[in-house]
Protein backbone atom coordinates (compact mmCIF):
# COMPACT_ATOMS: atom_id res chain seq x y z
CA MET A 1 133.17 108.72 128.42
CA THR A 2 129.72 110.21 127.87
CA ALA A 3 130.87 112.04 124.73
CA GLU A 4 132.39 108.80 123.39
CA LEU A 5 129.13 106.89 123.95
CA VAL A 6 127.09 109.62 122.27
CA ALA A 7 129.49 109.73 119.31
CA LEU A 8 129.49 105.94 118.93
CA GLY A 9 125.75 105.54 119.34
CA SER A 10 124.71 108.38 117.04
CA GLY A 11 127.45 107.51 114.52
CA ALA A 12 126.37 103.86 114.41
CA LEU A 13 122.72 104.75 113.78
CA MET A 14 123.67 107.21 111.04
CA ALA A 15 126.00 104.66 109.46
CA TYR A 16 123.19 102.09 109.48
CA HIS A 17 120.77 104.52 107.84
CA GLY A 18 123.24 105.92 105.31
CA LEU A 19 125.32 102.83 104.47
CA VAL A 20 123.86 99.56 105.75
CA TYR A 21 120.23 100.28 104.83
CA PRO A 22 121.00 101.30 101.20
CA ALA A 23 123.27 98.25 100.78
CA VAL A 24 120.62 95.85 102.12
CA LEU A 25 117.95 97.61 100.06
CA ARG A 26 120.10 97.22 96.93
CA GLN A 27 120.41 93.49 97.57
CA MET A 28 116.68 93.13 98.20
CA ALA A 29 115.90 95.09 95.03
CA SER A 30 118.28 92.97 92.92
CA ARG A 31 116.64 89.77 94.19
CA SER A 32 113.06 90.96 93.76
CA GLU A 33 111.20 89.89 90.67
CA PRO A 34 111.57 92.34 87.80
CA ARG A 35 108.59 94.58 87.45
CA GLN A 36 106.19 93.25 84.86
CA PRO A 37 105.19 95.44 81.93
CA LYS A 38 102.15 97.62 82.40
CA PHE A 39 99.01 95.65 83.25
CA GLN A 40 97.54 96.66 79.90
CA LYS A 41 97.14 99.80 77.92
CA VAL A 42 93.86 101.52 78.47
CA ASP A 43 91.34 101.64 75.69
CA ARG A 44 92.19 104.84 73.81
CA THR A 45 88.53 105.28 72.92
CA GLN A 46 87.34 105.06 76.54
CA PRO A 47 90.12 106.33 78.80
CA PRO A 48 89.55 107.11 82.49
CA SER A 49 88.74 110.69 83.43
CA ILE A 50 91.64 112.70 84.84
CA GLU A 51 91.68 115.94 86.80
CA VAL A 52 94.98 117.76 87.14
CA ILE A 53 94.96 119.92 90.29
CA ILE A 54 97.53 122.72 90.55
CA PRO A 55 97.61 124.88 93.70
CA ALA A 56 99.19 128.27 92.95
CA TYR A 57 100.40 130.87 95.41
CA ASN A 58 102.48 133.82 94.17
CA GLU A 59 103.72 132.01 91.06
CA ALA A 60 104.04 135.01 88.74
CA LEU A 61 107.36 133.81 87.33
CA GLY A 62 106.18 130.33 86.33
CA ILE A 63 102.42 130.38 85.77
CA ALA A 64 102.55 131.24 82.04
CA ALA A 65 104.91 128.34 81.27
CA LYS A 66 102.74 125.95 83.31
CA LEU A 67 99.59 126.93 81.41
CA ARG A 68 101.37 126.33 78.12
CA ASN A 69 102.62 122.95 79.35
CA CYS A 70 99.05 121.99 80.34
CA ALA A 71 97.65 123.12 76.99
CA GLN A 72 100.10 120.79 75.22
CA MET A 73 99.00 117.69 77.16
CA ASP A 74 97.88 114.90 74.85
CA TYR A 75 94.64 113.57 76.35
CA PRO A 76 90.99 113.65 75.22
CA ALA A 77 89.52 117.03 76.23
CA GLY A 78 86.23 115.42 77.27
CA GLN A 79 88.03 113.24 79.81
CA LEU A 80 90.42 115.89 81.13
CA LYS A 81 90.07 118.81 83.50
CA VAL A 82 92.97 121.01 84.58
CA SER A 83 92.08 122.96 87.72
CA ILE A 84 94.46 125.77 88.63
CA ILE A 85 93.48 127.18 92.02
CA PHE A 86 94.96 130.57 92.91
CA ASP A 87 95.17 130.55 96.69
CA GLY A 88 94.91 134.22 97.66
CA CYS A 89 97.86 135.35 95.53
CA THR A 90 99.24 138.78 96.40
CA ASP A 91 101.32 139.21 93.24
CA GLU A 92 100.47 139.22 89.51
CA THR A 93 99.95 135.44 89.22
CA TYR A 94 96.22 135.56 88.41
CA PRO A 95 96.34 138.47 85.91
CA ILE A 96 99.25 136.78 84.11
CA ALA A 97 97.31 133.50 84.01
CA LYS A 98 94.25 135.17 82.46
CA ARG A 99 96.41 136.96 79.91
CA THR A 100 98.20 133.72 79.00
CA PHE A 101 94.85 131.90 78.73
CA LYS A 102 93.73 134.47 76.15
CA GLU A 103 97.02 134.13 74.25
CA LEU A 104 96.58 130.34 74.09
CA GLN A 105 93.11 130.79 72.61
CA ASP A 106 94.43 133.26 70.03
CA GLU A 107 97.17 130.78 69.07
CA GLY A 108 94.59 128.04 68.51
CA LEU A 109 95.79 125.79 71.35
CA SER A 110 93.19 123.80 73.27
CA THR A 111 91.98 125.50 76.44
CA ALA A 112 88.74 123.54 76.88
CA ALA A 113 90.16 121.57 79.81
CA LEU A 114 91.67 124.56 81.62
CA SER A 115 89.80 125.94 84.65
CA LEU A 116 91.09 128.96 86.59
CA SER A 117 89.68 129.48 90.09
CA GLU A 118 90.69 132.43 92.29
CA TRP A 119 90.40 132.28 96.09
CA HIS A 120 90.49 135.77 97.52
CA TYR A 121 92.38 134.86 100.69
CA ASN A 122 95.19 132.42 101.35
CA ARG A 123 94.09 129.14 102.97
CA GLY A 124 97.18 127.03 102.36
CA LYS A 125 98.02 124.13 100.07
CA VAL A 126 96.47 121.42 102.27
CA ALA A 127 93.11 123.23 102.32
CA VAL A 128 93.27 123.60 98.52
CA LEU A 129 93.98 119.90 98.01
CA ASN A 130 91.37 118.64 100.47
CA GLN A 131 88.60 120.74 98.95
CA ALA A 132 89.55 120.25 95.30
CA ILE A 133 89.98 116.47 95.57
CA SER A 134 86.81 116.00 97.62
CA GLU A 135 84.80 117.89 94.96
CA SER A 136 86.35 116.05 92.02
CA THR A 137 84.43 113.38 90.12
CA ALA A 138 87.43 112.18 88.07
CA ASP A 139 88.75 108.62 88.18
CA ILE A 140 92.35 109.77 88.55
CA ILE A 141 93.75 112.85 90.30
CA VAL A 142 97.09 114.27 89.18
CA LEU A 143 98.82 116.66 91.60
CA THR A 144 101.58 118.86 90.26
CA ASP A 145 103.49 122.07 91.02
CA VAL A 146 103.49 125.18 88.89
CA SER A 147 107.26 124.98 88.47
CA ALA A 148 107.22 121.41 87.06
CA VAL A 149 106.87 120.52 83.38
CA VAL A 150 106.15 117.09 81.86
CA GLU A 151 106.10 115.55 78.41
CA PRO A 152 102.84 115.78 76.38
CA ASP A 153 102.16 112.02 76.74
CA ALA A 154 102.49 112.05 80.56
CA LEU A 155 98.76 111.59 81.20
CA TRP A 156 98.53 108.58 78.88
CA ARG A 157 101.40 107.00 80.80
CA VAL A 158 99.52 107.65 84.05
CA ALA A 159 96.29 106.19 82.67
CA ASP A 160 98.09 103.04 81.50
CA GLU A 161 99.51 102.44 85.00
CA PHE A 162 96.06 102.77 86.58
CA ALA A 163 94.69 100.09 84.27
CA ASP A 164 95.89 97.77 87.04
CA PRO A 165 93.12 97.96 89.69
CA ASP A 166 95.66 97.28 92.46
CA VAL A 167 97.60 100.47 91.70
CA GLY A 168 96.64 103.42 93.89
CA VAL A 169 99.61 105.77 93.36
CA VAL A 170 101.84 106.57 90.38
CA CYS A 171 104.96 108.64 91.07
CA ALA A 172 106.99 110.42 88.44
CA THR A 173 110.74 110.64 88.73
CA TYR A 174 112.23 114.07 89.32
CA GLU A 175 114.90 116.16 87.65
CA LEU A 176 116.22 119.67 88.22
CA GLU A 177 116.78 121.86 85.19
CA THR A 178 119.89 123.30 86.86
CA GLU A 179 121.88 121.58 89.61
CA ASP A 180 125.16 122.20 91.36
CA SER A 181 127.33 119.20 92.19
CA GLY A 182 125.92 118.84 95.70
CA GLU A 183 122.31 118.96 94.52
CA HIS A 184 123.05 116.57 91.67
CA ALA A 185 124.52 113.96 94.04
CA TYR A 186 121.62 114.39 96.50
CA TRP A 187 118.83 114.03 93.94
CA SER A 188 120.57 111.17 92.11
CA TYR A 189 120.65 109.30 95.41
CA GLN A 190 117.00 110.14 96.17
CA ARG A 191 115.86 108.90 92.76
CA TRP A 192 117.83 105.67 93.16
CA LEU A 193 116.43 105.19 96.66
CA LYS A 194 112.80 105.56 95.53
CA GLU A 195 113.41 103.19 92.63
CA ALA A 196 114.87 100.56 94.98
CA GLU A 197 112.05 101.04 97.52
CA ALA A 198 109.51 100.62 94.73
CA SER A 199 111.17 97.36 93.64
CA VAL A 200 111.02 95.96 97.17
CA ALA A 201 107.67 97.28 98.41
CA ALA A 202 106.68 100.88 97.62
CA PRO A 203 108.39 104.25 97.15
CA PHE A 204 108.05 106.11 100.43
CA GLY A 205 106.17 109.20 99.31
CA ALA A 206 106.20 110.93 95.94
CA HIS A 207 108.01 113.85 94.37
CA GLY A 208 105.48 116.65 94.80
CA ALA A 209 106.34 117.99 91.34
CA PHE A 210 104.06 115.39 89.69
CA TYR A 211 102.24 112.32 90.96
CA ALA A 212 98.82 110.70 90.52
CA ILE A 213 96.37 108.92 92.82
CA ARG A 214 93.22 106.88 92.38
CA ARG A 215 90.38 109.20 93.46
CA SER A 216 88.40 106.41 95.14
CA ALA A 217 91.41 105.54 97.34
CA TRP A 218 91.99 109.09 98.59
CA ARG A 219 91.49 110.15 102.21
CA ALA A 220 91.52 113.76 103.41
CA ILE A 221 94.71 114.76 105.23
CA PRO A 222 94.84 116.79 108.49
CA PRO A 223 95.04 120.60 108.07
CA SER A 224 98.42 120.64 109.88
CA THR A 225 100.04 118.32 107.31
CA ILE A 226 103.48 119.53 106.22
CA ASN A 227 104.54 117.14 103.44
CA ASP A 228 101.32 116.34 101.59
CA ASP A 229 103.29 114.50 98.87
CA VAL A 230 104.23 111.87 101.45
CA LEU A 231 101.09 111.61 103.55
CA ILE A 232 98.58 111.39 100.66
CA PRO A 233 100.31 108.52 98.81
CA MET A 234 101.36 106.64 101.95
CA GLN A 235 97.82 106.67 103.34
CA ILE A 236 96.77 104.95 100.11
CA VAL A 237 99.61 102.41 100.44
CA GLU A 238 98.61 101.91 104.07
CA ASP A 239 95.15 100.90 102.82
CA GLY A 240 96.62 98.12 100.67
CA TYR A 241 97.13 99.71 97.23
CA ARG A 242 100.35 99.51 95.22
CA ALA A 243 102.54 102.52 94.52
CA ILE A 244 104.47 102.69 91.24
CA TYR A 245 107.66 104.66 90.59
CA ASP A 246 107.66 105.15 86.82
CA LEU A 247 111.13 106.04 85.51
CA SER A 248 109.69 106.85 82.08
CA LEU A 249 107.50 109.55 83.61
CA VAL A 250 109.76 112.54 84.26
CA ALA A 251 108.86 115.84 85.96
CA THR A 252 111.44 118.57 85.39
CA GLU A 253 111.75 121.34 87.99
CA THR A 254 112.27 124.59 86.10
CA GLU A 255 112.58 126.90 89.08
CA ALA A 256 116.23 127.57 89.91
CA ALA A 257 116.84 126.57 93.51
CA SER A 258 118.67 129.39 95.27
CA ARG A 259 120.47 128.62 98.51
CA GLU A 260 117.71 130.35 100.47
CA THR A 261 115.00 128.43 98.60
CA ASP A 262 116.80 125.17 99.23
CA LEU A 263 117.20 125.93 102.94
CA ARG A 264 113.48 126.68 103.26
CA ARG A 265 112.70 123.43 101.51
CA ARG A 266 114.97 121.47 103.83
CA LEU A 267 113.43 123.13 106.89
CA ARG A 268 110.03 121.96 105.70
CA ILE A 269 111.35 118.49 104.91
CA GLY A 270 112.90 118.16 108.37
CA ALA A 271 109.67 119.08 110.14
CA GLY A 272 107.64 116.96 107.73
CA ASN A 273 109.85 113.90 108.16
CA LEU A 274 109.36 113.97 111.91
CA GLN A 275 105.61 114.50 111.54
CA GLN A 276 105.10 111.67 109.05
CA ALA A 277 107.33 109.27 111.02
CA ILE A 278 104.90 109.73 113.91
CA TRP A 279 101.67 109.75 111.90
CA LEU A 280 102.46 106.77 109.63
CA TRP A 281 103.47 104.34 112.39
CA ARG A 282 101.00 101.74 111.05
CA LEU A 283 103.41 101.13 108.17
CA ALA A 284 105.64 99.29 110.67
CA ASP A 285 103.30 96.30 110.29
CA LEU A 286 105.28 93.08 110.57
CA LYS A 287 102.66 91.38 108.41
CA LYS A 288 104.25 93.38 105.57
CA PRO A 289 107.94 92.93 106.46
CA ALA A 290 109.39 94.60 103.35
CA LEU A 291 107.31 97.75 103.81
CA ALA A 292 108.01 97.77 107.56
CA PHE A 293 111.75 97.52 106.84
CA ILE A 294 111.61 100.46 104.44
CA TYR A 295 109.61 102.54 106.92
CA LEU A 296 111.71 101.80 110.03
CA SER A 297 115.15 101.86 108.38
CA GLY A 298 114.35 104.52 105.80
CA LYS A 299 111.99 107.42 106.39
CA GLY A 300 111.31 106.51 110.03
CA LEU A 301 114.98 106.64 111.03
CA ARG A 302 115.66 109.48 108.60
CA ALA A 303 113.35 111.73 110.64
CA PHE A 304 115.78 111.48 113.56
CA THR A 305 119.00 111.61 111.53
CA PRO A 306 119.37 115.42 111.85
CA ILE A 307 119.16 115.11 115.64
CA LEU A 308 121.67 112.26 115.60
CA MET A 309 124.02 114.29 113.39
CA VAL A 310 123.96 117.30 115.73
CA ALA A 311 124.61 115.00 118.71
CA PHE A 312 127.46 113.31 116.80
CA LEU A 313 129.14 116.58 115.80
CA LEU A 314 128.83 118.09 119.27
CA SER A 315 130.31 115.00 120.89
CA CYS A 316 133.12 114.93 118.28
CA ALA A 317 133.85 118.59 119.01
CA VAL A 318 134.16 117.78 122.72
CA LEU A 319 136.41 114.81 122.01
CA ALA A 320 138.53 116.86 119.59
CA LEU A 321 139.14 119.46 122.29
CA GLN A 322 140.22 116.60 124.57
CA GLY A 323 142.82 115.56 121.99
CA ALA A 324 141.13 112.57 120.32
CA LEU A 325 142.81 112.25 116.91
CA LEU A 326 139.88 110.55 115.13
CA ALA A 327 137.46 113.22 116.35
CA GLN A 328 139.87 115.93 115.18
CA LEU A 329 139.99 114.34 111.72
CA VAL A 330 136.19 114.17 111.60
CA MET A 331 135.84 117.84 112.53
CA ALA A 332 138.52 118.84 110.04
CA GLY A 333 136.68 116.93 107.30
CA VAL A 334 133.39 118.61 108.23
CA LEU A 335 134.96 122.07 108.10
CA VAL A 336 136.59 121.37 104.72
CA ALA A 337 133.31 120.02 103.27
CA MET A 338 131.33 123.03 104.47
CA ALA A 339 134.01 125.43 103.21
CA VAL A 340 134.02 123.83 99.74
CA ASN A 341 130.23 123.90 99.55
CA ILE A 342 130.10 127.56 100.61
CA TYR A 343 132.85 128.40 98.09
CA GLU A 344 130.84 126.76 95.31
CA ALA A 345 127.73 128.67 96.35
CA VAL A 346 129.50 132.02 96.48
CA THR A 347 131.54 131.68 93.27
CA ASP A 348 129.01 129.72 91.17
CA GLY A 349 132.03 128.12 89.54
CA ASP A 350 132.82 124.55 88.49
CA LEU A 351 134.77 122.64 91.09
CA PRO A 352 137.70 120.38 90.27
CA LYS A 353 136.69 116.70 90.33
CA LEU A 354 138.81 116.18 93.44
CA LEU A 355 136.67 118.62 95.44
CA ARG A 356 133.22 117.54 94.21
CA PRO A 357 132.80 114.79 96.85
CA PHE A 358 133.49 117.42 99.54
CA SER A 359 130.80 119.66 98.03
CA ALA A 360 128.31 116.77 98.14
CA VAL A 361 129.15 116.09 101.79
CA GLY A 362 128.90 119.81 102.60
CA TYR A 363 125.51 120.02 100.88
CA ALA A 364 124.28 117.00 102.86
CA LEU A 365 125.55 118.46 106.14
CA GLY A 366 123.90 121.81 105.45
CA GLY A 367 120.68 120.02 104.61
CA GLN A 368 120.80 118.04 107.85
CA VAL A 369 121.34 121.21 109.88
CA ALA A 370 118.33 122.80 108.17
CA ALA A 371 116.32 119.63 108.80
CA PHE A 372 117.35 119.75 112.48
CA LEU A 373 115.98 123.28 112.74
CA GLY A 374 112.79 122.07 111.07
CA CYS A 375 112.53 119.33 113.71
CA CYS A 376 112.96 121.97 116.43
CA GLN A 377 110.21 124.09 114.90
CA TYR A 378 107.88 121.08 114.81
CA VAL A 379 108.66 119.94 118.36
CA PHE A 380 108.31 123.42 119.89
CA GLY A 381 105.30 124.35 117.77
CA THR A 382 106.87 127.43 116.17
CA ARG A 383 106.68 126.49 112.49
CA LYS A 384 104.81 128.89 110.23
CA PRO A 385 102.23 127.72 107.67
CA TRP A 386 104.20 126.02 104.91
CA ARG A 387 104.05 127.62 101.50
CA ARG A 388 106.12 126.98 98.39
CA ALA A 389 109.84 127.01 99.05
CA ALA A 390 110.50 130.05 96.86
CA ASP A 391 107.83 132.47 97.98
CA ASN A 392 108.02 135.35 95.50
CA THR A 393 106.66 138.08 97.72
CA GLY A 394 108.94 140.66 96.19
CA VAL A 395 110.35 141.51 99.62
CA PRO A 396 114.16 141.20 99.71
CA ASP A 397 115.84 139.43 102.61
CA PHE A 398 118.93 141.36 103.72
CA ILE A 399 120.18 138.44 105.83
CA HIS A 400 122.37 135.94 103.99
CA PRO A 401 120.63 132.52 104.03
CA LEU A 402 123.72 130.83 105.50
CA ALA A 403 123.87 133.50 108.21
CA ARG A 404 120.18 133.00 108.97
CA MET A 405 120.61 129.24 109.20
CA GLY A 406 123.79 129.53 111.29
CA LYS A 407 122.13 132.05 113.58
CA ARG A 408 119.27 129.67 114.30
CA VAL A 409 121.64 126.75 114.90
CA MET A 410 123.60 128.86 117.39
CA ASP A 411 120.33 129.96 119.01
CA VAL A 412 119.18 126.40 119.59
CA ILE A 413 122.54 125.22 120.94
CA LEU A 414 122.94 128.15 123.34
CA ALA A 415 119.28 128.02 124.41
CA VAL A 416 119.59 124.32 125.28
CA ALA A 417 122.76 125.09 127.30
CA ALA A 418 120.97 127.97 129.07
CA PHE A 419 118.04 125.66 129.82
CA VAL A 420 120.42 123.19 131.51
CA VAL A 421 121.86 126.02 133.63
CA MET A 422 118.36 127.21 134.51
CA ALA A 423 117.32 123.69 135.51
CA ILE A 424 120.30 123.49 137.90
CA LEU A 425 119.69 126.93 139.44
CA PHE A 426 115.90 126.89 139.40
CA VAL A 427 115.19 125.49 142.86
CA PRO A 428 117.56 127.76 144.85
CA LEU A 429 116.58 130.86 142.82
CA ALA A 430 112.88 130.09 143.15
CA ILE A 431 113.18 129.74 146.93
CA ILE A 432 115.16 132.98 147.28
CA ILE A 433 112.77 134.93 145.05
CA LYS A 434 109.75 133.74 147.05
CA LEU A 435 111.44 134.48 150.40
CA ASP A 436 112.62 137.92 149.29
CA SER A 437 109.21 139.27 148.26
CA PRO A 438 105.67 137.97 147.74
CA GLY A 439 104.62 137.15 144.21
CA PRO A 440 105.28 134.68 141.38
CA ILE A 441 108.70 133.29 140.49
CA PHE A 442 108.43 134.20 136.84
CA TYR A 443 107.47 137.52 135.28
CA ARG A 444 105.68 137.41 131.92
CA GLN A 445 105.11 140.43 129.74
CA TYR A 446 104.06 141.06 126.14
CA ARG A 447 106.87 142.26 123.89
CA VAL A 448 107.11 143.28 120.23
CA GLY A 449 108.79 140.60 118.15
CA GLU A 450 109.88 140.17 114.55
CA ARG A 451 108.35 142.48 111.97
CA LEU A 452 107.15 140.73 108.78
CA PRO A 453 105.81 142.18 105.51
CA ASP A 454 102.19 141.70 106.61
CA ARG A 455 102.35 141.96 110.42
CA THR A 456 104.45 142.50 113.53
CA ASN A 457 104.51 139.58 115.96
CA LEU A 458 103.83 139.86 119.69
CA PHE A 459 104.96 137.28 122.21
CA LEU A 460 105.02 136.70 125.98
CA LEU A 461 108.55 137.16 127.31
CA THR A 462 109.47 135.12 130.40
CA LYS A 463 112.01 136.23 133.04
CA PHE A 464 112.75 135.56 136.68
CA ARG A 465 110.88 138.26 138.61
CA SER A 466 113.24 140.99 139.80
CA MET A 467 110.72 143.69 140.88
CA ARG A 468 107.91 143.97 143.38
CA THR A 469 104.50 142.91 142.07
CA ASP A 470 103.20 146.50 142.47
CA ALA A 471 106.09 147.98 140.48
CA GLU A 472 103.79 149.49 137.84
CA LYS A 473 100.73 150.41 139.86
CA HIS A 474 101.09 153.97 138.55
CA GLY A 475 101.62 152.86 134.94
CA ALA A 476 104.44 151.58 132.75
CA GLN A 477 107.84 153.19 133.23
CA TRP A 478 111.49 152.50 132.44
CA ALA A 479 113.81 151.07 135.05
CA THR A 480 116.42 153.48 136.41
CA LYS A 481 119.73 153.10 138.26
CA GLY A 482 119.08 152.36 141.91
CA ASP A 483 115.39 151.75 141.09
CA PRO A 484 113.57 151.25 144.44
CA ARG A 485 111.08 148.86 142.82
CA ILE A 486 113.80 146.25 142.33
CA THR A 487 113.98 143.59 145.05
CA ARG A 488 117.20 142.63 146.81
CA ILE A 489 117.58 139.35 144.93
CA GLY A 490 116.33 141.14 141.82
CA ARG A 491 119.30 143.52 141.95
CA PHE A 492 121.67 140.55 141.91
CA LEU A 493 119.71 138.83 139.13
CA ARG A 494 119.86 141.94 136.97
CA LYS A 495 123.56 142.60 137.56
CA SER A 496 124.42 139.01 136.66
CA ARG A 497 121.73 138.85 133.91
CA LEU A 498 120.47 135.60 135.48
CA ASP A 499 116.93 137.05 135.39
CA GLU A 500 117.03 136.51 131.62
CA LEU A 501 117.75 132.76 131.74
CA PRO A 502 114.06 131.75 131.22
CA GLN A 503 114.15 133.57 127.89
CA CYS A 504 115.85 130.45 126.54
CA LEU A 505 112.28 129.11 126.24
CA ASN A 506 111.36 132.06 124.00
CA VAL A 507 114.42 131.29 121.88
CA LEU A 508 113.54 127.60 121.52
CA ARG A 509 109.99 128.58 120.52
CA GLY A 510 111.42 130.78 117.77
CA GLU A 511 110.09 134.04 119.26
CA MET A 512 113.53 135.44 120.09
CA SER A 513 117.16 135.04 119.12
CA VAL A 514 120.14 134.98 121.47
CA VAL A 515 121.56 138.08 119.76
CA GLY A 516 119.38 140.81 118.31
CA PRO A 517 117.59 144.10 119.00
CA ARG A 518 116.02 144.54 122.43
CA PRO A 519 112.35 143.38 122.50
CA GLU A 520 110.32 146.49 123.36
CA ARG A 521 107.04 146.67 125.25
CA PRO A 522 104.00 147.55 123.12
CA VAL A 523 103.12 150.44 125.46
CA PHE A 524 106.45 152.12 124.65
CA PHE A 525 106.62 150.96 121.04
CA GLU A 526 104.02 153.35 119.62
CA ARG A 527 105.57 156.31 121.44
CA LEU A 528 109.08 155.44 120.26
CA GLU A 529 107.91 154.86 116.69
CA ASP A 530 106.60 158.44 116.60
CA GLN A 531 109.73 159.99 118.14
CA ILE A 532 112.59 158.00 116.56
CA PRO A 533 113.10 157.74 112.76
CA PHE A 534 113.40 154.16 111.43
CA TYR A 535 112.59 152.72 114.84
CA ILE A 536 110.12 150.15 113.52
CA GLU A 537 112.62 148.85 110.94
CA ARG A 538 115.06 147.64 113.63
CA THR A 539 113.32 144.22 113.87
CA TYR A 540 112.34 143.85 110.20
CA GLY A 541 113.00 140.19 109.34
CA LEU A 542 114.99 139.85 112.56
CA ARG A 543 113.95 138.34 115.89
CA PRO A 544 114.67 140.44 118.99
CA GLY A 545 117.49 139.14 121.18
CA ILE A 546 118.28 138.33 124.80
CA THR A 547 121.44 140.33 124.28
CA GLY A 548 122.70 142.49 121.45
CA LEU A 549 125.15 145.10 120.28
CA ALA A 550 123.08 147.89 121.83
CA GLN A 551 122.73 146.05 125.13
CA VAL A 552 126.46 145.40 125.60
CA GLU A 553 127.30 148.97 124.56
CA GLN A 554 124.74 150.76 126.76
CA GLY A 555 122.88 148.42 129.11
CA TYR A 556 119.26 149.11 130.11
CA ASP A 557 117.14 151.98 128.73
CA GLU A 558 116.24 154.85 131.06
CA ASP A 559 114.68 157.32 128.63
CA VAL A 560 113.92 158.00 124.96
CA GLU A 561 117.43 159.33 124.30
CA ASP A 562 118.91 156.00 125.41
CA VAL A 563 116.63 154.21 122.96
CA ARG A 564 117.50 156.68 120.18
CA SER A 565 121.18 155.80 120.61
CA LYS A 566 120.40 152.09 120.71
CA VAL A 567 118.56 152.20 117.38
CA MET A 568 121.83 153.19 115.73
CA HIS A 569 123.50 150.10 117.21
CA ASP A 570 120.58 147.88 116.13
CA HIS A 571 120.86 149.01 112.50
CA ALA A 572 124.65 148.67 112.62
CA TYR A 573 124.19 145.07 113.83
CA ALA A 574 121.74 144.28 111.01
CA MET A 575 124.34 145.38 108.46
CA GLN A 576 126.69 142.64 109.72
CA LEU A 577 124.22 139.90 108.72
CA VAL A 578 124.75 140.41 105.00
CA THR A 579 127.64 137.91 104.96
CA PRO A 580 128.02 134.72 107.05
CA TRP A 581 131.55 135.55 108.25
CA GLU A 582 130.66 139.06 109.48
CA TRP A 583 127.60 137.67 111.25
CA PHE A 584 129.66 134.98 113.00
CA LYS A 585 132.36 137.40 114.18
CA THR A 586 129.79 139.92 115.42
CA ASP A 587 127.59 137.44 117.27
CA LEU A 588 130.58 135.71 118.85
CA SER A 589 131.94 139.06 120.05
CA ILE A 590 128.56 140.10 121.52
CA ILE A 591 128.11 136.75 123.30
CA LEU A 592 131.60 136.92 124.83
CA ARG A 593 131.06 140.52 125.96
CA THR A 594 127.71 139.53 127.50
CA PHE A 595 129.44 136.71 129.38
CA VAL A 596 131.94 139.23 130.77
CA VAL A 597 129.03 141.43 131.94
CA MET A 598 127.45 138.44 133.68
CA VAL A 599 130.66 137.38 135.42
CA THR A 600 131.66 140.89 136.51
CA GLY A 601 128.10 141.87 137.50
CA ARG A 602 128.10 145.05 135.42
CA GLY A 603 124.41 144.74 134.49
CA GLN A 604 121.96 147.27 135.86
């Protein structure tokens, strides 16, 4: 009964957001007065001043084309400034920009408006925007990405829109240079949605590729802002200005969106949607019913759609296992849609028309899963500083993006289940631990986490205490079989692996994975790094795990030789992450074997 209620409730809300809201919005847009022609064209002899601000971080592949696009903009040089701010780039972006700047001068193209500023350390896009806009004296600020190109007359179109003093934001429409069928359906829908929202009240946010704001209407955004292209324009709308969605103003995204790039973008969007739904609550002002409707039914509800979708699919899975025919059909449709979308991604081939709707559904489902993970990162405070979606660091990622996404989804689901188990067992275990030996219930210890190109993370691992509090009074040492430092209840906790239940909190915070290499203590890490070849690489781009291939094969470490053998298993496990199917089979096998260890009490 509970699963049915969850499925009905979450399904109804998603149906309202995805079907009812667009239908009502379409009707409202069709009944709204047609948008009047531009207020007036600005005086071509005295146009407003415009500053184009372009934050750049590791954009070596696109910076030359962007400079050339800027040099071709048709606008009076005395009224135009193009500020390209290189935010601590670690690749060849800045040298390429300087070389291109010189080439433009040699070719006789105008470079008077171009300004190149290099920041020697990375501060993030929000810091760049806040400082650059606050220091600007222009009438109009245009914000654009390096990877976006516009027509030469784009700035005149922007200036004409701002001739209306009530206009505070002008949004360009958005196109991808290359799209698969799923992306095409998604972005076509997004463009239609913004157009309809603009007809009724205001487009909710802008496409970050290219949009403009009135400088006098701008307010600084918080440093923790995720989606600046939503918060900046909507703060201006919140203050009473109009936002325009100009279909004649087109920004074309030239950067090919790989699956990994797209997943990163959707992670950011998911976290950003939840953040902006909370921060922009004033838009639900009933004095402006059309705008309140768009906020509550559109972006506001959209922030929670990924959570609703996960709840809906989980409840359908439960009902399908109970024999519910409709739930079985839903799950079958989901699997087919995901399979078609994955097939299209792997083969890069054209799909038959019959299968294209399945690809679109699969793309949407994958995006919602990524958005759900972004919501989890935001809620648990584990998101990293947001950069551009395709961060060209030059460091290859050996994990397939679908495997990485699936791994995180599995982590969250299993960690939530483990948290429920821990909540049930907490009181009796806490009492027994306290009665068995003096000391705290939990044991916290620094461990070495994921290794990244520029650092290796440390985190505090949490477990139920299984040893005496004076266990390491003579220094750090490995546990051994029959270790006298282990308490009576601790021996049971270790054999059943129940001592590791609190690590579900580390998993939810994004510090650990359910399956992965064992998280080592820093005091042993340096010693092992010196004695074991390729030891440090075992957690490169990979979070350590509660369990893993090495753990189910060998159990706990007792000496360096045990660790040396485990490193082989850790690298063997990493090789299985290259393809989604191999990852899934391997992780499922390890989790089942760990469950057997817990039930049979074969842990040390």
